[in-house]
Amino acid sequence: MLTKLYNDGVRILRFNFPHYDQESALKDANNIHEVEKKLGGKFDLLLDTS
């Protein structure tokens, strides 16, 4: 899914941080980093803390 989003031009990912626990946040962050390595590109992360 992230690969398709990147290929479609999405570069900013928004996270609703209060709804994350440490385990799920780490899992998503690792997934994003793996996709970035594969694509040779970067996502910007927007952390919504409200």
PDB file of N, CA and C in Angstrom:
ATOM      1  N   MET A   1       0.814  -1.192   0.000  1.00  0.00           N
ATOM      2  CA  MET A   1       0.000   0.000   0.000  1.00  0.00           C
ATOM      3  C   MET A   1       0.864   1.266   0.000  1.00  0.00           C
ATOM      4  N   LEU A   2       1.911   1.285   0.825  1.00  0.00           N
ATOM      5  CA  LEU A   2       2.777   2.465   0.873  1.00  0.00           C
ATOM      6  C   LEU A   2       3.482   2.688  -0.455  1.00  0.00           C
ATOM      7  N   THR A   3       3.866   1.607  -1.124  1.00  0.00           N
ATOM      8  CA  THR A   3       4.524   1.742  -2.421  1.00  0.00           C
ATOM      9  C   THR A   3       3.587   2.410  -3.415  1.00  0.00           C
ATOM     10  N   LYS A   4       2.326   1.987  -3.432  1.00  0.00           N
ATOM     11  CA  LYS A   4       1.351   2.594  -4.344  1.00  0.00           C
ATOM     12  C   LYS A   4       1.146   4.070  -4.012  1.00  0.00           C
ATOM     13  N   LEU A   5       1.021   4.387  -2.723  1.00  0.00           N
ATOM     14  CA  LEU A   5       0.855   5.785  -2.328  1.00  0.00           C
ATOM     15  C   LEU A   5       2.039   6.624  -2.793  1.00  0.00           C
ATOM     16  N   TYR A   6       3.253   6.109  -2.593  1.00  0.00           N
ATOM     17  CA  TYR A   6       4.455   6.838  -3.004  1.00  0.00           C
ATOM     18  C   TYR A   6       4.457   7.037  -4.517  1.00  0.00           C
ATOM     19  N   ASN A   7       4.148   5.984  -5.247  1.00  0.00           N
ATOM     20  CA  ASN A   7       4.120   6.075  -6.708  1.00  0.00           C
ATOM     21  C   ASN A   7       3.032   7.015  -7.209  1.00  0.00           C
ATOM     22  N   ASP A   8       1.977   7.195  -6.413  1.00  0.00           N
ATOM     23  CA  ASP A   8       0.894   8.121  -6.769  1.00  0.00           C
ATOM     24  C   ASP A   8       1.185   9.555  -6.336  1.00  0.00           C
ATOM     25  N   GLY A   9       2.350   9.775  -5.718  1.00  0.00           N
ATOM     26  CA  GLY A   9       2.761  11.132  -5.376  1.00  0.00           C
ATOM     27  C   GLY A   9       2.623  11.526  -3.914  1.00  0.00           C
ATOM     28  N   VAL A  10       2.153  10.624  -3.070  1.00  0.00           N
ATOM     29  CA  VAL A  10       2.012  10.933  -1.647  1.00  0.00           C
ATOM     30  C   VAL A  10       3.398  10.952  -1.010  1.00  0.00           C
ATOM     31  N   ARG A  11       3.716  12.027  -0.284  1.00  0.00           N
ATOM     32  CA  ARG A  11       5.024  12.131   0.374  1.00  0.00           C
ATOM     33  C   ARG A  11       4.897  12.441   1.864  1.00  0.00           C
ATOM     34  N   ILE A  12       3.692  12.777   2.324  1.00  0.00           N
ATOM     35  CA  ILE A  12       3.478  13.089   3.736  1.00  0.00           C
ATOM     36  C   ILE A  12       2.478  12.086   4.306  1.00  0.00           C
ATOM     37  N   LEU A  13       2.872  11.431   5.393  1.00  0.00           N
ATOM     38  CA  LEU A  13       2.001  10.487   6.079  1.00  0.00           C
ATOM     39  C   LEU A  13       1.618  11.085   7.427  1.00  0.00           C
ATOM     40  N   ARG A  14       0.334  11.110   7.729  1.00  0.00           N
ATOM     41  CA  ARG A  14      -0.160  11.689   8.991  1.00  0.00           C
ATOM     42  C   ARG A  14      -0.497  10.566   9.966  1.00  0.00           C
ATOM     43  N   PHE A  15       0.018  10.684  11.170  1.00  0.00           N
ATOM     44  CA  PHE A  15      -0.252   9.719  12.221  1.00  0.00           C
ATOM     45  C   PHE A  15      -1.016  10.398  13.342  1.00  0.00           C
ATOM     46  N   ASN A  16      -2.105   9.786  13.767  1.00  0.00           N
ATOM     47  CA  ASN A  16      -2.869  10.268  14.912  1.00  0.00           C
ATOM     48  C   ASN A  16      -2.234   9.635  16.147  1.00  0.00           C
ATOM     49  N   PHE A  17      -1.184  10.261  16.631  1.00  0.00           N
ATOM     50  CA  PHE A  17      -0.294   9.685  17.634  1.00  0.00           C
ATOM     51  C   PHE A  17      -0.975   9.247  18.931  1.00  0.00           C
ATOM     52  N   PRO A  18      -1.971   9.965  19.473  1.00  0.00           N
ATOM     53  CA  PRO A  18      -2.584   9.523  20.730  1.00  0.00           C
ATOM     54  C   PRO A  18      -3.228   8.133  20.650  1.00  0.00           C
ATOM     55  N   HIS A  19      -3.528   7.661  19.453  1.00  0.00           N
ATOM     56  CA  HIS A  19      -4.173   6.358  19.300  1.00  0.00           C
ATOM     57  C   HIS A  19      -3.168   5.227  19.112  1.00  0.00           C
ATOM     58  N   TYR A  20      -1.880   5.539  19.178  1.00  0.00           N
ATOM     59  CA  TYR A  20      -0.840   4.527  19.014  1.00  0.00           C
ATOM     60  C   TYR A  20      -0.325   4.064  20.364  1.00  0.00           C
ATOM     61  N   ASP A  21       0.035   2.795  20.433  1.00  0.00           N
ATOM     62  CA  ASP A  21       0.857   2.339  21.541  1.00  0.00           C
ATOM     63  C   ASP A  21       2.266   2.147  20.977  1.00  0.00           C
ATOM     64  N   GLN A  22       3.221   1.930  21.841  1.00  0.00           N
ATOM     65  CA  GLN A  22       4.616   1.867  21.407  1.00  0.00           C
ATOM     66  C   GLN A  22       4.846   0.750  20.390  1.00  0.00           C
ATOM     67  N   GLU A  23       4.226  -0.389  20.608  1.00  0.00           N
ATOM     68  CA  GLU A  23       4.422  -1.538  19.724  1.00  0.00           C
ATOM     69  C   GLU A  23       3.907  -1.267  18.309  1.00  0.00           C
ATOM     70  N   SER A  24       2.708  -0.730  18.185  1.00  0.00           N
ATOM     71  CA  SER A  24       2.149  -0.487  16.850  1.00  0.00           C
ATOM     72  C   SER A  24       2.861   0.666  16.152  1.00  0.00           C
ATOM     73  N   ALA A  25       3.291   1.678  16.904  1.00  0.00           N
ATOM     74  CA  ALA A  25       4.039   2.787  16.301  1.00  0.00           C
ATOM     75  C   ALA A  25       5.373   2.293  15.754  1.00  0.00           C
ATOM     76  N   LEU A  26       6.056   1.441  16.503  1.00  0.00           N
ATOM     77  CA  LEU A  26       7.331   0.888  16.054  1.00  0.00           C
ATOM     78  C   LEU A  26       7.143   0.020  14.810  1.00  0.00           C
ATOM     79  N   LYS A  27       6.095  -0.780  14.796  1.00  0.00           N
ATOM     80  CA  LYS A  27       5.803  -1.632  13.638  1.00  0.00           C
ATOM     81  C   LYS A  27       5.576  -0.782  12.383  1.00  0.00           C
ATOM     82  N   ASP A  28       4.766   0.268  12.501  1.00  0.00           N
ATOM     83  CA  ASP A  28       4.497   1.134  11.352  1.00  0.00           C
ATOM     84  C   ASP A  28       5.751   1.884  10.909  1.00  0.00           C
ATOM     85  N   ALA A  29       6.542   2.372  11.864  1.00  0.00           N
ATOM     86  CA  ALA A  29       7.775   3.091  11.519  1.00  0.00           C
ATOM     87  C   ALA A  29       8.749   2.177  10.783  1.00  0.00           C
ATOM     88  N   ASN A  30       8.894   0.954  11.255  1.00  0.00           N
ATOM     89  CA  ASN A  30       9.783   0.002  10.579  1.00  0.00           C
ATOM     90  C   ASN A  30       9.290  -0.315   9.175  1.00  0.00           C
ATOM     91  N   ASN A  31       7.987  -0.453   9.014  1.00  0.00           N
ATOM     92  CA  ASN A  31       7.406  -0.715   7.701  1.00  0.00           C
ATOM     93  C   ASN A  31       7.684   0.447   6.748  1.00  0.00           C
ATOM     94  N   ILE A  32       7.524   1.662   7.227  1.00  0.00           N
ATOM     95  CA  ILE A  32       7.792   2.848   6.404  1.00  0.00           C
ATOM     96  C   ILE A  32       9.256   2.877   5.980  1.00  0.00           C
ATOM     97  N   HIS A  33      10.161   2.609   6.916  1.00  0.00           N
ATOM     98  CA  HIS A  33      11.597   2.633   6.597  1.00  0.00           C
ATOM     99  C   HIS A  33      11.964   1.560   5.568  1.00  0.00           C
ATOM    100  N   GLU A  34      11.358   0.393   5.658  1.00  0.00           N
ATOM    101  CA  GLU A  34      11.619  -0.670   4.683  1.00  0.00           C
ATOM    102  C   GLU A  34      11.157  -0.257   3.285  1.00  0.00           C
ATOM    103  N   VAL A  35       9.984   0.355   3.203  1.00  0.00           N
ATOM    104  CA  VAL A  35       9.468   0.817   1.909  1.00  0.00           C
ATOM    105  C   VAL A  35      10.365   1.922   1.354  1.00  0.00           C
ATOM    106  N   GLU A  36      10.821   2.830   2.208  1.00  0.00           N
ATOM    107  CA  GLU A  36      11.717   3.900   1.764  1.00  0.00           C
ATOM    108  C   GLU A  36      13.010   3.320   1.193  1.00  0.00           C
ATOM    109  N   LYS A  37      13.572   2.319   1.854  1.00  0.00           N
ATOM    110  CA  LYS A  37      14.798   1.673   1.352  1.00  0.00           C
ATOM    111  C   LYS A  37      14.551   1.043  -0.012  1.00  0.00           C
ATOM    112  N   LYS A  38      13.436   0.355  -0.132  1.00  0.00           N
ATOM    113  CA  LYS A  38      13.088  -0.330  -1.382  1.00  0.00           C
ATOM    114  C   LYS A  38      12.920   0.666  -2.532  1.00  0.00           C
ATOM    115  N   LEU A  39      12.275   1.798  -2.252  1.00  0.00           N
ATOM    116  CA  LEU A  39      11.974   2.778  -3.292  1.00  0.00           C
ATOM    117  C   LEU A  39      13.104   3.776  -3.521  1.00  0.00           C
ATOM    118  N   GLY A  40      13.986   3.918  -2.540  1.00  0.00           N
ATOM    119  CA  GLY A  40      15.029   4.929  -2.644  1.00  0.00           C
ATOM    120  C   GLY A  40      14.485   6.334  -2.462  1.00  0.00           C
ATOM    121  N   GLY A  41      13.360   6.457  -1.784  1.00  0.00           N
ATOM    122  CA  GLY A  41      12.738   7.758  -1.541  1.00  0.00           C
ATOM    123  C   GLY A  41      12.419   7.916  -0.074  1.00  0.00           C
ATOM    124  N   LYS A  42      11.839   9.050   0.276  1.00  0.00           N
ATOM    125  CA  LYS A  42      11.515   9.333   1.671  1.00  0.00           C
ATOM    126  C   LYS A  42      10.095   9.859   1.808  1.00  0.00           C
ATOM    127  N   PHE A  43       9.458   9.481   2.909  1.00  0.00           N
ATOM    128  CA  PHE A  43       8.192  10.062   3.324  1.00  0.00           C
ATOM    129  C   PHE A  43       8.480  11.074   4.424  1.00  0.00           C
ATOM    130  N   ASP A  44       7.683  12.116   4.501  1.00  0.00           N
ATOM    131  CA  ASP A  44       7.692  13.010   5.653  1.00  0.00           C
ATOM    132  C   ASP A  44       6.571  12.542   6.568  1.00  0.00           C
ATOM    133  N   LEU A  45       6.817  12.581   7.872  1.00  0.00           N
ATOM    134  CA  LEU A  45       5.825  12.127   8.837  1.00  0.00           C
ATOM    135  C   LEU A  45       5.254  13.317   9.589  1.00  0.00           C
ATOM    136  N   LEU A  46       3.942  13.383   9.646  1.00  0.00           N
ATOM    137  CA  LEU A  46       3.238  14.411  10.401  1.00  0.00           C
ATOM    138  C   LEU A  46       2.598  13.722  11.601  1.00  0.00           C
ATOM    139  N   LEU A  47       3.034  14.087  12.801  1.00  0.00           N
ATOM    140  CA  LEU A  47       2.497  13.488  14.015  1.00  0.00           C
ATOM    141  C   LEU A  47       1.434  14.402  14.603  1.00  0.00           C
ATOM    142  N   ASP A  48       0.199  13.946  14.579  1.00  0.00           N
ATOM    143  CA  ASP A  48      -0.920  14.683  15.158  1.00  0.00           C
ATOM    144  C   ASP A  48      -1.029  14.263  16.617  1.00  0.00           C
ATOM    145  N   THR A  49      -0.737  15.175  17.536  1.00  0.00           N
ATOM    146  CA  THR A  49      -0.707  14.827  18.952  1.00  0.00           C
ATOM    147  C   THR A  49      -1.929  15.305  19.717  1.00  0.00           C
ATOM    148  N   SER A  50      -2.929  15.792  19.015  1.00  0.00           N
ATOM    149  CA  SER A  50      -4.118  16.280  19.732  1.00  0.00           C
ATOM    150  C   SER A  50      -5.208  15.241  19.774  1.00  0.00           C
TER     151      SER A  50
END
